[in-house]
Amino acid sequence: MNRLISIFKYIMCCSFVLQTFIAEAAVYRYQPEAKLSLKISKSGLNRISNPPYKITQLTGDESKFRIKYDEDGSNIYFMPLVKVGDVIEVSIKNNVGHIQDLEFSVANIKGKSIVIDGMANLNIDKIQKSDVAQMLRAMKDNVDSKFYVQTINQSLGSIKNLQVKQTKIYRYKELAGGVFELKNNTKQEIVLNNREFAKRFDKVKSFYPETSVIRPRQTSTLLIVQDTGGK
């Protein structure tokens, strides 16, 4: 039996829910040398995320705003305390030490979902050289290398508004790698919580998302490597 497919089907049968949210997301690339300027809502819900990382710190004049963190740090909820037209300058820091400066202009608009996409800074070459890293690289480059590779076309059904399909299985010693395609069939962007997706698998050694924001009618790839030892 294909362990990856078996695990995935079992999870789906147990009411597996992929933790994504769909919103009119304002998506910005991580720019460490620049200050990002954007509008936020005076009274609506302003959600800030930095996928695939967790935000660990937000620094600024605390008399001008209140914040609340998700328990896992995936999102920050930002509530301005100043009047419409005022500007608030803050910096966010994530769990790998990246810092992004932000300049918020408070406006009478609907709540914003602000995504600081950190994928451009996630360099797979920086992962320690190992069988896991080599498997990720092989899957990313679509090559066999030293691995046993099986091409499949296994539809895993629709999860929320994403159509999920597994296209390849990589094996080496006690490692198994899965190549998954996630298709957004909606007319809105979908912000994918990659870490929550990976948590649905046993003994995940590493994962690599092609992107954290899936555009309307487009497909994104997610790679997962598991330790199959003891199974």
Protein backbone atom coordinates (compact mmCIF):
# COMPACT_ATOMS: atom_id res chain seq x y z
CA MET A 1 0.00 0.00 0.00
CA ASN A 2 1.08 3.49 -0.67
CA ARG A 3 1.68 4.90 2.81
CA LEU A 4 1.26 8.50 1.83
CA ILE A 5 -2.04 7.89 0.07
CA SER A 6 -3.29 5.65 2.88
CA ILE A 7 -2.49 8.26 5.50
CA PHE A 8 -4.11 11.01 3.47
CA LYS A 9 -7.31 9.00 2.85
CA TYR A 10 -7.52 8.07 6.51
CA ILE A 11 -7.23 11.69 7.51
CA MET A 12 -9.94 12.74 5.07
CA CYS A 13 -12.26 10.07 6.42
CA CYS A 14 -11.73 11.53 9.88
CA SER A 15 -13.13 14.88 8.77
CA PHE A 16 -9.80 16.33 7.87
CA VAL A 17 -10.17 20.10 7.52
CA LEU A 18 -7.47 22.07 5.77
CA GLN A 19 -7.04 25.32 7.65
CA THR A 20 -7.20 27.92 4.94
CA PHE A 21 -9.04 31.14 4.69
CA ILE A 22 -10.39 32.85 1.63
CA ALA A 23 -10.28 36.62 1.57
CA GLU A 24 -9.69 39.64 -0.57
CA ALA A 25 -6.07 39.33 0.46
CA ALA A 26 -3.55 42.09 -0.14
CA VAL A 27 -0.42 40.10 -0.95
CA TYR A 28 3.06 41.63 -0.64
CA ARG A 29 6.46 40.07 -1.18
CA TYR A 30 8.81 40.18 1.77
CA GLN A 31 11.10 43.19 1.20
CA PRO A 32 13.68 43.53 4.00
CA GLU A 33 15.22 46.70 2.56
CA ALA A 34 11.92 48.54 2.06
CA LYS A 35 8.99 49.82 4.09
CA LEU A 36 5.64 48.54 2.85
CA SER A 37 2.90 51.20 2.85
CA LEU A 38 -0.73 50.10 2.91
CA LYS A 39 -4.17 50.96 4.20
CA ILE A 40 -5.90 49.26 7.11
CA SER A 41 -9.43 49.44 8.44
CA LYS A 42 -10.36 51.67 11.37
CA SER A 43 -13.18 49.42 12.55
CA GLY A 44 -12.91 46.16 10.56
CA LEU A 45 -10.82 43.07 11.20
CA ASN A 46 -7.20 43.49 10.03
CA ARG A 47 -5.36 40.19 9.79
CA ILE A 48 -1.60 40.03 9.15
CA SER A 49 0.29 36.85 8.23
CA ASN A 50 3.80 36.02 7.02
CA PRO A 51 3.56 32.55 5.46
CA PRO A 52 5.22 30.10 5.66
CA TYR A 53 6.59 31.59 8.91
CA LYS A 54 5.08 32.56 12.25
CA ILE A 55 5.04 36.15 13.46
CA THR A 56 6.70 36.28 16.87
CA GLN A 57 6.93 40.02 17.51
CA LEU A 58 5.30 43.29 16.44
CA THR A 59 7.06 46.50 17.46
CA GLY A 60 5.71 50.06 17.36
CA ASP A 61 4.03 52.80 19.40
CA GLU A 62 1.67 50.68 21.49
CA SER A 63 -0.49 53.70 22.35
CA LYS A 64 -1.69 53.68 18.73
CA PHE A 65 -2.91 50.09 18.40
CA ARG A 66 -3.87 46.82 20.01
CA ILE A 67 -2.93 43.38 18.74
CA LYS A 68 -3.93 39.80 19.31
CA TYR A 69 -2.00 36.71 18.22
CA ASP A 70 -3.30 33.34 17.07
CA GLU A 71 -2.21 30.62 19.47
CA ASP A 72 0.23 29.25 16.88
CA GLY A 73 1.45 32.66 15.69
CA SER A 74 0.16 32.21 12.15
CA ASN A 75 -1.81 35.46 12.23
CA ILE A 76 -1.85 38.79 14.07
CA TYR A 77 -5.07 40.77 14.44
CA PHE A 78 -4.35 44.50 14.38
CA MET A 79 -6.74 47.12 15.82
CA PRO A 80 -5.82 50.81 15.36
CA LEU A 81 -6.65 53.21 18.22
CA VAL A 82 -6.01 56.42 16.26
CA LYS A 83 -8.35 58.36 13.99
CA VAL A 84 -8.90 57.91 10.28
CA GLY A 85 -6.08 59.47 8.28
CA ASP A 86 -3.39 58.84 10.88
CA VAL A 87 -0.33 56.73 10.11
CA ILE A 88 1.07 53.92 12.27
CA GLU A 89 4.59 52.58 11.75
CA VAL A 90 5.39 49.07 12.96
CA SER A 91 7.87 46.25 12.36
CA ILE A 92 7.06 42.55 12.38
CA LYS A 93 9.58 39.82 13.15
CA ASN A 94 9.09 36.15 12.35
CA ASN A 95 10.40 32.93 13.89
CA VAL A 96 13.50 32.84 11.66
CA GLY A 97 14.49 36.43 12.44
CA HIS A 98 13.26 38.19 9.30
CA ILE A 99 12.01 41.74 9.90
CA GLN A 100 9.60 43.72 7.74
CA ASP A 101 8.80 47.41 8.28
CA LEU A 102 5.20 48.45 7.66
CA GLU A 103 3.44 51.81 7.41
CA PHE A 104 -0.31 51.65 7.99
CA SER A 105 -2.67 54.42 6.90
CA VAL A 106 -5.93 54.17 8.85
CA ALA A 107 -8.98 54.41 6.58
CA ASN A 108 -12.74 53.88 6.54
CA ILE A 109 -12.52 50.63 4.60
CA LYS A 110 -13.48 47.01 5.14
CA GLY A 111 -11.19 44.80 7.19
CA LYS A 112 -7.98 43.77 5.44
CA SER A 113 -6.21 40.45 5.12
CA ILE A 114 -2.54 41.38 4.70
CA VAL A 115 -0.16 38.66 3.56
CA ILE A 116 3.60 39.26 3.68
CA ASP A 117 4.65 36.33 1.49
CA GLY A 118 7.97 34.97 2.74
CA MET A 119 8.33 32.22 0.16
CA ALA A 120 10.94 34.18 -1.79
CA ASN A 121 13.15 33.97 1.28
CA LEU A 122 12.70 30.25 1.80
CA ASN A 123 15.75 28.85 0.00
CA ILE A 124 15.75 25.09 -0.22
CA ASP A 125 19.52 25.14 -0.82
CA LYS A 126 20.04 26.40 2.72
CA ILE A 127 18.58 23.25 4.24
CA GLN A 128 21.28 21.06 5.74
CA LYS A 129 22.62 18.58 3.20
CA SER A 130 20.93 15.29 3.97
CA ASP A 131 18.77 12.61 2.39
CA VAL A 132 15.72 14.69 3.29
CA ALA A 133 17.12 17.80 1.61
CA GLN A 134 18.18 15.82 -1.44
CA MET A 135 14.72 14.29 -1.74
CA LEU A 136 13.11 17.72 -1.54
CA ARG A 137 15.47 19.01 -4.18
CA ALA A 138 14.79 16.04 -6.46
CA MET A 139 11.03 16.51 -6.11
CA LYS A 140 11.31 20.24 -6.70
CA ASP A 141 13.47 19.73 -9.83
CA ASN A 142 11.31 16.80 -11.02
CA VAL A 143 14.25 14.37 -11.29
CA ASP A 144 14.84 10.80 -10.09
CA SER A 145 18.39 11.12 -8.73
CA LYS A 146 19.04 8.21 -6.35
CA PHE A 147 15.37 7.81 -5.45
CA TYR A 148 12.74 5.31 -6.51
CA VAL A 149 10.01 7.39 -8.14
CA GLN A 150 6.46 6.35 -8.93
CA THR A 151 4.24 8.56 -11.09
CA ILE A 152 0.57 8.47 -10.13
CA ASN A 153 -2.57 10.46 -10.78
CA GLN A 154 -4.48 10.07 -7.53
CA SER A 155 -7.33 12.50 -6.96
CA LEU A 156 -7.85 13.15 -3.26
CA GLY A 157 -11.04 15.11 -3.69
CA SER A 158 -11.95 18.65 -2.79
CA ILE A 159 -10.84 20.15 0.52
CA LYS A 160 -12.55 23.46 1.17
CA ASN A 161 -12.17 25.15 -2.23
CA LEU A 162 -8.98 23.36 -3.22
CA GLN A 163 -8.87 20.33 -5.50
CA VAL A 164 -6.08 18.07 -4.19
CA LYS A 165 -4.19 15.53 -6.29
CA GLN A 166 -1.05 13.49 -5.63
CA THR A 167 1.14 13.14 -8.71
CA LYS A 168 4.34 11.43 -7.52
CA ILE A 169 5.80 9.29 -4.75
CA TYR A 170 9.52 9.31 -3.90
CA ARG A 171 11.12 6.57 -1.78
CA TYR A 172 14.58 6.07 -0.27
CA LYS A 173 15.47 3.95 2.75
CA GLU A 174 12.95 4.98 5.43
CA LEU A 175 11.85 8.16 3.69
CA ALA A 176 8.76 8.73 1.56
CA GLY A 177 8.07 11.91 -0.35
CA GLY A 178 4.80 13.09 -1.82
CA VAL A 179 4.19 15.65 -4.58
CA PHE A 180 0.76 17.25 -4.21
CA GLU A 181 -1.04 19.62 -6.54
CA LEU A 182 -3.54 22.05 -5.01
CA LYS A 183 -5.85 23.69 -7.54
CA ASN A 184 -7.86 26.81 -6.74
CA ASN A 185 -11.09 26.58 -8.71
CA THR A 186 -12.54 29.76 -7.23
CA LYS A 187 -12.44 33.38 -8.37
CA GLN A 188 -10.63 34.46 -5.19
CA GLU A 189 -7.10 34.04 -3.86
CA ILE A 190 -6.67 31.35 -1.24
CA VAL A 191 -4.07 31.77 1.48
CA LEU A 192 -2.82 28.30 2.35
CA ASN A 193 -1.69 27.45 5.86
CA ASN A 194 1.17 25.19 4.77
CA ARG A 195 2.22 24.21 8.28
CA GLU A 196 -1.27 23.04 9.16
CA PHE A 197 -1.37 20.97 5.96
CA ALA A 198 1.94 19.30 6.86
CA LYS A 199 0.76 18.58 10.43
CA ARG A 200 -1.87 16.22 9.01
CA PHE A 201 0.84 13.70 8.14
CA ASP A 202 2.77 11.43 10.51
CA LYS A 203 6.48 11.99 11.17
CA VAL A 204 6.95 14.85 8.72
CA LYS A 205 10.66 15.58 8.29
CA SER A 206 10.28 18.59 6.01
CA PHE A 207 7.97 20.24 3.52
CA TYR A 208 8.25 22.78 0.74
CA PRO A 209 5.34 24.87 -0.58
CA GLU A 210 5.70 26.43 -4.02
CA THR A 211 3.74 29.42 -2.80
CA SER A 212 1.61 30.48 0.15
CA VAL A 213 -1.03 32.24 -1.92
CA ILE A 214 -2.86 30.34 -4.67
CA ARG A 215 -4.27 32.63 -7.34
CA PRO A 216 -7.75 32.11 -8.85
CA ARG A 217 -7.89 29.21 -11.33
CA GLN A 218 -4.25 28.34 -10.70
CA THR A 219 -2.44 25.30 -9.28
CA SER A 220 0.28 25.20 -6.64
CA THR A 221 2.62 22.37 -5.66
CA LEU A 222 3.34 21.21 -2.12
CA LEU A 223 6.12 18.72 -1.30
CA ILE A 224 6.16 16.62 1.88
CA VAL A 225 8.83 14.21 3.16
CA GLN A 226 7.96 11.68 5.86
CA ASP A 227 9.91 9.25 8.00
CA THR A 228 8.33 5.82 7.43
CA GLY A 229 10.55 4.01 9.92
CA GLY A 230 8.70 1.64 12.20
CA LYS A 231 5.67 1.33 9.93
